[in-house]
Amino acid sequence: MSRALSLLLTTPPDPAEVSSLEAWRARHEAAVAGLEDPADRALAAGFAADRVAYAFAGGYSAALDRLTRGKLQGARAGRATSLCITEEGGGHPNAVKTALAEHADGRRTLTGKKQWATGAPLADVLLIAASTGLDAQGRNRLALVAIDARAPGVKLEKMPDPPFAPELPHARIELDAVAVTSADVLPGDGYEVYVKPFRTIEDAHVFLALLGHLVRCARLYAGPRDFTERALASALALHAVAAMDPSAPETHLALAGALDLGRALVAQSDAALASAPPGVRARWERDRALTMVAERARSAQGARVGAARPRRRAACELRNFATPERAARGTARERSGLKSWNCETRACLWHHARAAAEKRRAEGEIVTMRGTALVALLLGSALLFGAGCKEESSGAAPAAADGTGVAECDQYMKELDACFAANPAAKTAMEATQKQMREAWKASAQTAEGKAMLKTQCAEHIKLLGQNPMCAKK
C-alpha cells in the first residue's frame, strides 16, 4: 500500500488524452507493472486513466485478478479477462442457461448466450458462468469456465454504447459447442466461490480506481490539497476492506461505510476539476453517474434483505441460532455440526449480526464496521501527514522501536489499539497501515519542526478518536 500511495503522491500525472482502447491498455499495463496487490493495481490504474471509463476498466481488471488469483491456469493468468454472467433473463444464478455439457465420449462443451459482458471485445480470456444441472433442491449448479476469447465456436458482437462511460465496450457472446477441458473449469462452486463474492470485490476495486482517478484530477488541475488528502485517506479505508473476506457480513458493512466516504468525495469533486478543460468536466459530469449504479443495486438488495427478515428469523430458530449471543459464538465447531452450511445458514448469521447491531445501538453502544471505516480515514490522514513531513527529516537518532518519538503520537497509537481490542478482524485489517504510520512518524520526528507538527496533529487525532462511537470510552 505504501508504494501505491507514494505513486499517487509523487508520480507526475500524464496530461495526455488516451486516443483509443489499445492506447489505454498499453498505459494500464505500464501503470500496474511491478504491483502485486490487486488493490494497489486498482489505485495505480485509476491514477493513470484520463477518464472514468478507463478507471473503471482498471478497477474491474484488478477485481478479476483478486477473484481468480492462483486459479487460472498457465498463460491465462494475468491476461485481459471478462467475467460473463448475465443472460437474457438477467444475472441471477437461476437465469443462467448456458450449459457445460459432458458427452458420452468424455468431451465437454459450452453452449449458450451471454450479454453485457464488460470489456469482452478487448479480452483475451472469457470467464463463463455455466450451468452443470440442478441440485437436489432444484437449484442451478454453476461452474466457472475459462476459455480463449477467440476459440472456435465463440462469437462476440459489440453491444450499443451505454449512456455513461461509453468508451468501455460490452459484448454479446454466442457459444456454440466450445470445446472445454477439465483444466478450463476453475476449482470450487461457480456461484459461492466466484459469482456471489465478485460484487463485493468489484465494488471495492472499482471505487479504489475511481479514487485514484480523482487524485490524478486534483493534482493535474491544481485542486484543493484537502480534497487530495481526503481522497487518499478514503482509498486507505477501501484498501483495507479489499483485503477482507468478501463473503463475510462484517466486510459488507465496512464496505458500505467506506463507499459512503468515497461518494461524499465524488459529490464534492467540482473543486478538483474547477480548472479542467470544459471537455474534461463535461465527460466527468456524464460519467460520475456510474458511481451511483452500485448504490442503487445495493439499496435494492437491502430492501430484499429487510423483506426476507421474518422468514430468516424462523430459519435461524430452527437451526438453533436463536439469539444474537449464540450467533456471535458461531465458531467452526458449531458450523461443523451442520450438514448444510448453505445460504440459509448464512442468512441466520446476517440476521443476527444485524440484530446484535440494533441491540447495541439501542443501548448506546454503536460498534459497527462503519466506525471502522472512519477510523481508517483517521489512519489515512495521519499516514499522509507523516509522509508529507518525511522528506524534511534529518540524520538525528531514531525513536525507540516501540515508540514514535512523540508522546502524543504514542498515546494515539495506544488508544487506537484499545479501540480495536474488541474487533480482532478490524485490527488485523489495519495492522499494516499502523506499522507504516509508525515508521513515517519516526522519520518525521527527527526534526524539531516535524516533531512539533506531529504533536499538534496527534493531539487532534486523539480528540477525533474519542468522538468515534466505536472508540469512545464508556
Protein backbone atom coordinates (compact mmCIF):
# COMPACT_ATOMS: atom_id res chain seq x y z
CA MET A 1 0.00 0.00 0.00
CA SER A 2 2.83 2.42 0.82
CA ARG A 3 4.17 2.05 -2.73
CA ALA A 4 0.77 2.81 -4.25
CA LEU A 5 0.36 5.88 -2.01
CA SER A 6 3.82 7.06 -2.96
CA LEU A 7 2.96 6.62 -6.63
CA LEU A 8 -0.18 8.75 -6.27
CA LEU A 9 1.71 11.44 -4.37
CA THR A 10 4.95 11.64 -6.33
CA THR A 11 4.36 10.46 -9.91
CA PRO A 12 3.54 13.35 -12.26
CA PRO A 13 0.06 12.76 -13.74
CA ASP A 14 0.13 12.27 -17.50
CA PRO A 15 -1.97 15.07 -19.08
CA ALA A 16 -2.23 13.36 -22.48
CA GLU A 17 -5.64 12.04 -23.52
CA VAL A 18 -5.91 8.36 -24.35
CA SER A 19 -6.83 8.13 -28.01
CA SER A 20 -8.06 4.53 -28.18
CA LEU A 21 -8.77 1.37 -26.22
CA GLU A 22 -5.47 -0.07 -27.40
CA ALA A 23 -3.63 3.03 -26.12
CA TRP A 24 -5.41 2.71 -22.77
CA ARG A 25 -4.41 -0.94 -22.49
CA ALA A 26 -0.74 -0.06 -23.05
CA ARG A 27 -0.88 2.75 -20.47
CA HIS A 28 -2.65 0.49 -17.99
CA GLU A 29 -0.08 -2.28 -18.28
CA ALA A 30 2.74 0.19 -17.75
CA ALA A 31 0.99 1.72 -14.71
CA VAL A 32 0.46 -1.57 -12.84
CA ALA A 33 3.81 -3.17 -13.71
CA GLY A 34 5.54 -4.41 -10.57
CA LEU A 35 2.46 -4.10 -8.34
CA GLU A 36 1.30 -7.45 -6.94
CA ASP A 37 -1.62 -6.45 -4.71
CA PRO A 38 -4.83 -6.12 -6.76
CA ALA A 39 -5.95 -3.15 -4.63
CA ASP A 40 -2.65 -1.37 -5.38
CA ARG A 41 -3.15 -2.14 -9.07
CA ALA A 42 -6.64 -0.62 -8.95
CA LEU A 43 -5.33 2.63 -7.46
CA ALA A 44 -2.49 2.85 -9.97
CA ALA A 45 -4.80 2.08 -12.89
CA GLY A 46 -7.23 4.81 -11.83
CA PHE A 47 -4.39 7.32 -11.46
CA ALA A 48 -3.18 6.51 -14.99
CA ALA A 49 -6.67 6.80 -16.52
CA ASP A 50 -7.70 10.02 -18.24
CA ARG A 51 -11.42 9.31 -17.82
CA VAL A 52 -13.90 7.35 -15.70
CA ALA A 53 -14.38 4.58 -18.29
CA TYR A 54 -10.72 3.60 -18.21
CA ALA A 55 -10.53 3.95 -14.42
CA PHE A 56 -13.50 1.56 -14.20
CA ALA A 57 -11.78 -0.84 -16.60
CA GLY A 58 -8.62 -0.78 -14.47
CA GLY A 59 -10.56 -1.42 -11.26
CA TYR A 60 -12.54 -4.19 -12.95
CA SER A 61 -9.33 -5.84 -14.12
CA ALA A 62 -7.90 -5.68 -10.58
CA ALA A 63 -11.12 -7.16 -9.17
CA LEU A 64 -10.91 -10.13 -11.54
CA ASP A 65 -7.27 -10.57 -10.56
CA ARG A 66 -8.34 -10.72 -6.90
CA LEU A 67 -11.18 -13.16 -7.69
CA THR A 68 -9.14 -15.63 -9.74
CA ARG A 69 -5.62 -15.28 -8.32
CA GLY A 70 -3.97 -18.70 -8.20
CA LYS A 71 -6.90 -20.32 -10.01
CA LEU A 72 -6.31 -19.52 -13.69
CA GLN A 73 -4.05 -21.99 -15.41
CA GLY A 74 -0.78 -21.24 -17.18
CA ALA A 75 -0.64 -18.42 -19.72
CA ARG A 76 -4.18 -17.27 -18.96
CA ALA A 77 -3.11 -15.77 -15.63
CA GLY A 78 -2.56 -12.04 -15.92
CA ARG A 79 -4.21 -11.65 -19.34
CA ALA A 80 -7.13 -9.32 -20.11
CA THR A 81 -10.26 -11.06 -18.81
CA SER A 82 -14.03 -10.58 -18.86
CA LEU A 83 -16.48 -12.19 -16.44
CA CYS A 84 -19.58 -13.32 -18.35
CA ILE A 85 -22.63 -13.97 -16.16
CA THR A 86 -25.63 -12.03 -17.46
CA GLU A 87 -28.00 -13.63 -19.95
CA GLU A 88 -31.34 -12.70 -21.46
CA GLY A 89 -33.09 -13.48 -18.17
CA GLY A 90 -30.68 -11.38 -16.08
CA GLY A 91 -27.76 -12.09 -13.77
CA HIS A 92 -29.47 -14.30 -11.17
CA PRO A 93 -27.99 -17.82 -10.89
CA ASN A 94 -31.31 -19.35 -11.94
CA ALA A 95 -31.24 -17.22 -15.12
CA VAL A 96 -28.04 -18.92 -16.33
CA LYS A 97 -28.97 -21.23 -19.21
CA THR A 98 -25.52 -21.55 -20.76
CA ALA A 99 -24.68 -25.23 -20.28
CA LEU A 100 -21.46 -27.07 -19.59
CA ALA A 101 -22.25 -30.48 -21.06
CA GLU A 102 -20.39 -33.75 -20.58
CA HIS A 103 -20.70 -36.17 -23.51
CA ALA A 104 -20.55 -39.94 -23.57
CA ASP A 105 -17.19 -39.88 -25.33
CA GLY A 106 -15.69 -37.79 -22.50
CA ARG A 107 -15.80 -34.46 -24.31
CA ARG A 108 -17.01 -31.28 -22.59
CA THR A 109 -18.62 -28.39 -24.43
CA LEU A 110 -20.06 -24.96 -23.64
CA THR A 111 -23.22 -23.81 -25.38
CA GLY A 112 -25.29 -20.70 -24.71
CA LYS A 113 -25.52 -16.91 -24.93
CA LYS A 114 -24.26 -14.07 -22.74
CA GLN A 115 -24.79 -10.33 -22.89
CA TRP A 116 -23.42 -7.15 -21.30
CA ALA A 117 -20.03 -8.79 -20.84
CA THR A 118 -17.84 -5.90 -19.64
CA GLY A 119 -14.68 -5.40 -21.69
CA ALA A 120 -15.24 -8.62 -23.65
CA PRO A 121 -14.30 -7.07 -27.04
CA LEU A 122 -10.81 -6.40 -25.58
CA ALA A 123 -10.48 -9.59 -23.55
CA ASP A 124 -8.09 -12.46 -24.20
CA VAL A 125 -9.91 -14.75 -21.74
CA LEU A 126 -13.63 -15.13 -21.06
CA LEU A 127 -14.82 -16.47 -17.69
CA ILE A 128 -18.15 -18.12 -18.42
CA ALA A 129 -20.69 -18.89 -15.68
CA ALA A 130 -22.35 -22.09 -16.86
CA SER A 131 -24.94 -24.50 -15.51
CA THR A 132 -23.96 -28.08 -14.83
CA GLY A 133 -27.52 -29.10 -13.94
CA LEU A 134 -29.78 -28.87 -10.89
CA ASP A 135 -29.01 -29.90 -7.32
CA ALA A 136 -31.30 -31.95 -5.06
CA GLN A 137 -33.27 -28.80 -4.16
CA GLY A 138 -33.82 -27.90 -7.80
CA ARG A 139 -31.31 -25.02 -7.79
CA ASN A 140 -28.96 -24.26 -10.64
CA ARG A 141 -25.44 -25.61 -10.07
CA LEU A 142 -22.85 -23.31 -11.61
CA ALA A 143 -19.27 -23.73 -12.73
CA LEU A 144 -16.89 -21.01 -13.90
CA VAL A 145 -15.10 -21.93 -17.12
CA ALA A 146 -12.14 -20.10 -18.67
CA ILE A 147 -11.98 -20.09 -22.48
CA ASP A 148 -9.96 -18.16 -25.03
CA ALA A 149 -11.97 -15.24 -26.39
CA ARG A 150 -11.18 -16.27 -29.98
CA ALA A 151 -11.60 -20.02 -29.60
CA PRO A 152 -13.57 -21.93 -32.27
CA GLY A 153 -17.29 -21.63 -31.58
CA VAL A 154 -17.03 -18.23 -29.83
CA LYS A 155 -18.78 -15.28 -31.50
CA LEU A 156 -18.57 -11.76 -29.99
CA GLU A 157 -20.78 -8.86 -31.02
CA LYS A 158 -20.20 -5.38 -29.60
CA MET A 159 -23.33 -4.02 -27.91
CA PRO A 160 -24.60 -0.43 -28.19
CA ASP A 161 -22.69 2.05 -26.04
CA PRO A 162 -24.26 2.76 -22.62
CA PRO A 163 -25.24 6.37 -21.75
CA PHE A 164 -22.25 6.81 -19.43
CA ALA A 165 -18.63 5.66 -19.80
CA PRO A 166 -19.34 4.71 -23.43
CA GLU A 167 -15.62 4.14 -24.11
CA LEU A 168 -15.83 0.89 -22.10
CA PRO A 169 -17.23 -1.72 -24.53
CA HIS A 170 -19.65 -4.54 -23.76
CA ALA A 171 -20.48 -7.56 -25.85
CA ARG A 172 -23.00 -10.24 -26.63
CA ILE A 173 -21.40 -13.67 -26.75
CA GLU A 174 -22.63 -16.79 -28.51
CA LEU A 175 -21.06 -20.10 -27.56
CA ASP A 176 -21.60 -22.96 -29.98
CA ALA A 177 -20.28 -26.23 -28.59
CA VAL A 178 -17.00 -24.66 -27.49
CA ALA A 179 -14.53 -27.39 -26.53
CA VAL A 180 -13.58 -27.39 -22.85
CA THR A 181 -11.05 -29.44 -20.87
CA SER A 182 -11.10 -30.22 -17.16
CA ALA A 183 -8.25 -27.71 -16.69
CA ASP A 184 -10.52 -24.95 -18.05
CA VAL A 185 -13.02 -25.38 -15.20
CA LEU A 186 -11.97 -23.27 -12.21
CA PRO A 187 -11.94 -25.07 -8.83
CA GLY A 188 -14.86 -24.63 -6.45
CA ASP A 189 -18.55 -23.89 -6.77
CA GLY A 190 -19.17 -21.35 -9.52
CA TYR A 191 -21.70 -19.36 -7.52
CA GLU A 192 -20.31 -19.48 -3.99
CA VAL A 193 -16.64 -19.01 -4.90
CA TYR A 194 -16.91 -16.63 -7.86
CA VAL A 195 -20.27 -15.13 -8.84
CA LYS A 196 -21.54 -14.27 -5.36
CA PRO A 197 -18.39 -12.62 -3.90
CA PHE A 198 -17.50 -10.77 -7.09
CA ARG A 199 -19.98 -7.98 -6.46
CA THR A 200 -18.22 -7.05 -3.22
CA ILE A 201 -14.75 -7.41 -4.75
CA GLU A 202 -15.75 -5.35 -7.79
CA ASP A 203 -17.27 -2.54 -5.71
CA ALA A 204 -14.10 -2.16 -3.64
CA HIS A 205 -11.61 -2.27 -6.51
CA VAL A 206 -13.57 -0.17 -8.99
CA PHE A 207 -14.09 2.56 -6.40
CA LEU A 208 -10.40 2.40 -5.48
CA ALA A 209 -9.61 3.07 -9.13
CA LEU A 210 -12.09 5.94 -9.17
CA LEU A 211 -10.38 7.48 -6.12
CA GLY A 212 -7.02 7.11 -7.87
CA HIS A 213 -8.53 8.94 -10.84
CA LEU A 214 -9.81 11.74 -8.60
CA VAL A 215 -6.33 12.16 -7.11
CA ARG A 216 -4.98 12.46 -10.66
CA CYS A 217 -7.55 15.15 -11.48
CA ALA A 218 -6.89 17.08 -8.27
CA ARG A 219 -3.14 17.07 -8.89
CA LEU A 220 -3.33 17.73 -12.62
CA TYR A 221 -5.82 20.59 -12.32
CA ALA A 222 -4.50 22.11 -9.08
CA GLY A 223 -7.44 21.04 -6.91
CA PRO A 224 -7.54 21.82 -3.19
CA ARG A 225 -4.94 19.96 -1.13
CA ASP A 226 -7.51 18.85 1.42
CA PHE A 227 -9.51 17.13 -1.36
CA THR A 228 -6.44 15.08 -2.32
CA GLU A 229 -5.79 14.22 1.32
CA ARG A 230 -9.36 13.03 1.87
CA ALA A 231 -9.32 11.03 -1.37
CA LEU A 232 -6.15 9.25 -0.32
CA ALA A 233 -7.46 8.61 3.18
CA SER A 234 -10.69 7.17 1.74
CA ALA A 235 -8.59 4.98 -0.53
CA LEU A 236 -6.74 3.71 2.52
CA ALA A 237 -10.03 2.65 4.12
CA LEU A 238 -11.19 0.89 0.95
CA HIS A 239 -7.80 -0.76 0.55
CA ALA A 240 -8.20 -2.35 3.98
CA VAL A 241 -11.72 -3.56 3.11
CA ALA A 242 -10.48 -5.02 -0.20
CA ALA A 243 -8.18 -7.36 1.76
CA MET A 244 -11.03 -8.76 3.88
CA ASP A 245 -13.09 -11.90 3.22
CA PRO A 246 -15.64 -10.80 0.55
CA SER A 247 -18.24 -13.25 1.85
CA ALA A 248 -18.16 -12.08 5.49
CA PRO A 249 -21.03 -9.88 6.77
CA GLU A 250 -18.58 -7.52 8.50
CA THR A 251 -16.88 -6.90 5.16
CA HIS A 252 -20.18 -5.80 3.62
CA LEU A 253 -20.80 -3.39 6.48
CA ALA A 254 -17.27 -1.98 6.28
CA LEU A 255 -17.59 -1.63 2.51
CA ALA A 256 -20.82 0.32 2.89
CA GLY A 257 -19.10 2.77 5.23
CA ALA A 258 -16.02 3.12 3.03
CA LEU A 259 -18.14 3.69 -0.08
CA ASP A 260 -20.11 6.36 1.75
CA LEU A 261 -16.86 8.22 2.37
CA GLY A 262 -15.89 7.88 -1.28
CA ARG A 263 -19.25 9.03 -2.60
CA ALA A 264 -19.07 12.11 -0.41
CA LEU A 265 -15.87 12.99 -2.27
CA VAL A 266 -17.50 12.39 -5.63
CA ALA A 267 -20.26 14.81 -4.62
CA GLN A 268 -17.58 17.43 -3.85
CA SER A 269 -15.46 16.72 -6.91
CA ASP A 270 -16.23 20.01 -8.69
CA ALA A 271 -13.39 21.62 -6.73
CA ALA A 272 -10.89 19.06 -8.03
CA LEU A 273 -11.85 19.76 -11.65
CA ALA A 274 -12.50 23.50 -11.39
CA SER A 275 -9.65 24.38 -13.75
CA ALA A 276 -10.02 21.35 -16.03
CA PRO A 277 -10.81 21.93 -19.73
CA PRO A 278 -14.56 22.12 -20.49
CA GLY A 279 -14.49 18.79 -22.33
CA VAL A 280 -12.96 17.01 -19.35
CA ARG A 281 -15.52 18.49 -16.95
CA ALA A 282 -18.40 17.56 -19.28
CA ARG A 283 -17.16 13.99 -19.54
CA TRP A 284 -16.87 13.75 -15.75
CA GLU A 285 -20.42 15.06 -15.27
CA ARG A 286 -21.68 12.47 -17.75
CA ASP A 287 -19.82 9.55 -16.21
CA ARG A 288 -19.96 10.10 -12.47
CA ALA A 289 -23.48 8.64 -12.53
CA LEU A 290 -21.62 5.33 -12.78
CA THR A 291 -20.67 5.71 -9.12
CA MET A 292 -24.34 5.50 -8.12
CA VAL A 293 -25.24 2.35 -10.06
CA ALA A 294 -23.84 0.03 -7.39
CA GLU A 295 -25.52 2.12 -4.67
CA ARG A 296 -28.97 1.69 -6.26
CA ALA A 297 -28.43 -2.05 -6.63
CA ARG A 298 -27.13 -2.28 -3.05
CA SER A 299 -30.18 -0.36 -1.78
CA ALA A 300 -32.49 -2.71 -3.66
CA GLN A 301 -30.63 -5.67 -2.18
CA GLY A 302 -31.07 -4.14 1.27
CA ALA A 303 -34.80 -3.84 0.69
CA ARG A 304 -34.97 -7.51 -0.26
CA VAL A 305 -32.99 -8.46 2.85
CA GLY A 306 -35.43 -6.49 5.01
CA ALA A 307 -38.44 -8.13 3.40
CA ALA A 308 -36.98 -11.59 3.99
CA ARG A 309 -36.11 -10.99 7.64
CA PRO A 310 -39.18 -12.75 9.24
CA ARG A 311 -38.51 -15.86 7.16
CA ARG A 312 -34.84 -15.77 8.11
CA ARG A 313 -35.70 -15.46 11.81
CA ALA A 314 -37.74 -18.66 11.60
CA ALA A 315 -34.95 -20.43 9.74
CA CYS A 316 -32.44 -19.36 12.38
CA GLU A 317 -34.57 -20.61 15.23
CA LEU A 318 -34.88 -23.98 13.52
CA ARG A 319 -31.09 -24.13 13.21
CA ASN A 320 -30.58 -23.37 16.89
CA PHE A 321 -29.16 -19.88 16.29
CA ALA A 322 -31.98 -18.42 18.34
CA THR A 323 -30.17 -15.45 19.88
CA PRO A 324 -27.62 -12.87 18.74
CA GLU A 325 -25.35 -14.04 21.55
CA ARG A 326 -25.42 -17.60 20.22
CA ALA A 327 -24.81 -16.37 16.67
CA ALA A 328 -21.80 -14.44 17.92
CA ARG A 329 -20.40 -17.76 19.14
CA GLY A 330 -20.93 -19.34 15.69
CA THR A 331 -17.48 -20.90 15.65
CA ALA A 332 -16.14 -23.57 13.37
CA ARG A 333 -17.16 -26.15 15.99
CA GLU A 334 -20.83 -25.16 15.76
CA ARG A 335 -20.73 -24.88 11.98
CA SER A 336 -19.20 -28.34 11.65
CA GLY A 337 -22.35 -29.75 13.24
CA LEU A 338 -24.46 -28.51 10.33
CA LYS A 339 -24.84 -30.84 7.40
CA SER A 340 -25.55 -27.94 5.05
CA TRP A 341 -23.56 -24.73 5.54
CA ASN A 342 -25.64 -23.07 2.82
CA CYS A 343 -27.31 -19.75 2.01
CA GLU A 344 -29.97 -20.27 4.68
CA THR A 345 -27.35 -20.65 7.40
CA ARG A 346 -25.56 -17.53 6.18
CA ALA A 347 -28.91 -15.74 6.33
CA CYS A 348 -29.03 -16.63 10.03
CA LEU A 349 -25.69 -15.02 10.68
CA TRP A 350 -26.73 -11.97 8.68
CA HIS A 351 -29.95 -11.72 10.65
CA HIS A 352 -28.19 -11.99 14.00
CA ALA A 353 -25.36 -9.66 13.02
CA ARG A 354 -28.00 -7.02 12.26
CA ALA A 355 -29.99 -7.87 15.39
CA ALA A 356 -26.90 -7.60 17.56
CA ALA A 357 -26.02 -4.25 15.98
CA GLU A 358 -29.56 -2.95 16.59
CA LYS A 359 -29.38 -4.12 20.20
CA ARG A 360 -26.08 -2.31 20.75
CA ARG A 361 -27.44 0.77 19.06
CA ALA A 362 -30.45 0.79 21.41
CA GLU A 363 -28.07 0.58 24.36
CA GLY A 364 -25.94 3.41 23.04
CA GLU A 365 -23.10 1.09 22.09
CA ILE A 366 -22.80 1.62 18.35
CA VAL A 367 -19.94 -0.65 17.35
CA THR A 368 -20.26 -1.10 13.59
CA MET A 369 -17.83 -1.57 10.78
CA ARG A 370 -18.85 1.86 9.54
CA GLY A 371 -16.95 3.11 12.57
CA THR A 372 -14.00 1.02 11.45
CA ALA A 373 -14.05 2.79 8.10
CA LEU A 374 -13.98 6.15 9.89
CA VAL A 375 -11.02 5.02 11.99
CA ALA A 376 -9.32 4.01 8.75
CA LEU A 377 -9.94 7.52 7.47
CA LEU A 378 -8.12 8.90 10.53
CA LEU A 379 -5.29 6.46 9.93
CA GLY A 380 -5.06 7.59 6.33
CA SER A 381 -4.91 11.26 7.26
CA ALA A 382 -2.23 10.55 9.84
CA LEU A 383 -0.17 8.44 7.45
CA LEU A 384 -0.34 11.10 4.75
CA PHE A 385 0.75 13.75 7.25
CA GLY A 386 3.76 11.64 8.22
CA ALA A 387 4.62 11.02 4.56
CA GLY A 388 4.43 14.73 3.84
CA CYS A 389 6.91 15.55 6.61
CA LYS A 390 9.22 12.62 5.91
CA GLU A 391 11.36 14.38 3.33
CA GLU A 392 12.29 17.07 5.88
CA SER A 393 13.82 14.61 8.34
CA SER A 394 17.48 14.78 9.31
CA GLY A 395 20.00 12.25 10.49
CA ALA A 396 19.06 12.52 14.16
CA ALA A 397 18.86 9.40 16.30
CA PRO A 398 15.71 7.37 15.61
CA ALA A 399 13.00 6.80 18.18
CA ALA A 400 12.79 3.61 20.23
CA ALA A 401 11.50 0.56 18.35
CA ASP A 402 8.17 0.64 20.20
CA GLY A 403 7.68 4.41 20.02
CA THR A 404 7.41 7.24 17.51
CA GLY A 405 9.45 9.81 19.41
CA VAL A 406 6.38 11.98 20.14
CA ALA A 407 4.42 11.32 23.35
CA GLU A 408 1.09 12.40 21.84
CA CYS A 409 1.54 10.06 18.90
CA ASP A 410 2.49 7.16 21.17
CA GLN A 411 -0.69 7.86 23.17
CA TYR A 412 -2.73 7.96 19.98
CA MET A 413 -1.41 4.55 18.92
CA LYS A 414 -2.18 3.16 22.38
CA GLU A 415 -5.77 4.42 22.21
CA LEU A 416 -6.10 3.09 18.68
CA ASP A 417 -5.06 -0.37 19.89
CA ALA A 418 -7.66 -0.13 22.66
CA CYS A 419 -10.27 0.89 20.11
CA PHE A 420 -9.58 -2.21 18.02
CA ALA A 421 -9.32 -4.57 21.01
CA ALA A 422 -12.99 -5.57 20.74
CA ASN A 423 -12.79 -6.05 16.97
CA PRO A 424 -10.00 -8.50 16.02
CA ALA A 425 -10.99 -8.56 12.34
CA ALA A 426 -10.63 -4.79 12.07
CA LYS A 427 -7.35 -4.86 13.99
CA THR A 428 -5.92 -7.41 11.60
CA ALA A 429 -7.03 -5.40 8.57
CA MET A 430 -5.38 -2.22 9.90
CA GLU A 431 -2.11 -3.67 11.26
CA ALA A 432 -0.07 -2.96 8.13
CA THR A 433 -1.33 0.62 7.99
CA GLN A 434 -0.47 1.21 11.65
CA LYS A 435 3.04 -0.11 11.05
CA GLN A 436 3.51 2.21 8.06
CA MET A 437 2.23 5.12 10.12
CA ARG A 438 4.67 4.44 12.96
CA GLU A 439 7.59 4.31 10.53
CA ALA A 440 6.55 7.56 8.82
CA TRP A 441 6.19 9.31 12.18
CA LYS A 442 9.56 8.10 13.43
CA ALA A 443 11.21 9.65 10.39
CA SER A 444 9.25 12.90 10.69
CA ALA A 445 10.06 13.25 14.42
CA GLN A 446 13.78 13.51 13.70
CA THR A 447 13.47 17.28 13.13
CA ALA A 448 12.21 19.84 15.65
CA GLU A 449 9.68 21.18 13.16
CA GLY A 450 8.39 17.73 12.28
CA LYS A 451 8.08 16.79 15.95
CA ALA A 452 6.11 19.97 16.73
CA MET A 453 3.73 19.35 13.83
CA LEU A 454 3.24 15.72 14.83
CA LYS A 455 2.50 16.75 18.41
CA THR A 456 -0.34 19.01 17.26
CA GLN A 457 -1.66 16.55 14.69
CA CYS A 458 -1.71 13.57 17.06
CA ALA A 459 -3.44 15.59 19.78
CA GLU A 460 -6.19 16.44 17.29
CA HIS A 461 -6.47 12.80 16.23
CA ILE A 462 -6.87 11.69 19.85
CA LYS A 463 -9.84 14.05 20.18
CA LEU A 464 -11.40 12.78 16.95
CA LEU A 465 -10.89 9.18 18.02
CA GLY A 466 -12.72 9.90 21.27
CA GLN A 467 -15.70 11.18 19.28
CA ASN A 468 -15.97 7.99 17.22
CA PRO A 469 -18.78 5.81 18.68
CA MET A 470 -16.69 2.72 18.07
CA CYS A 471 -13.83 4.05 20.21
CA ALA A 472 -15.48 6.36 22.75
CA LYS A 473 -14.67 5.46 26.35
CA LYS A 474 -17.61 4.26 28.36
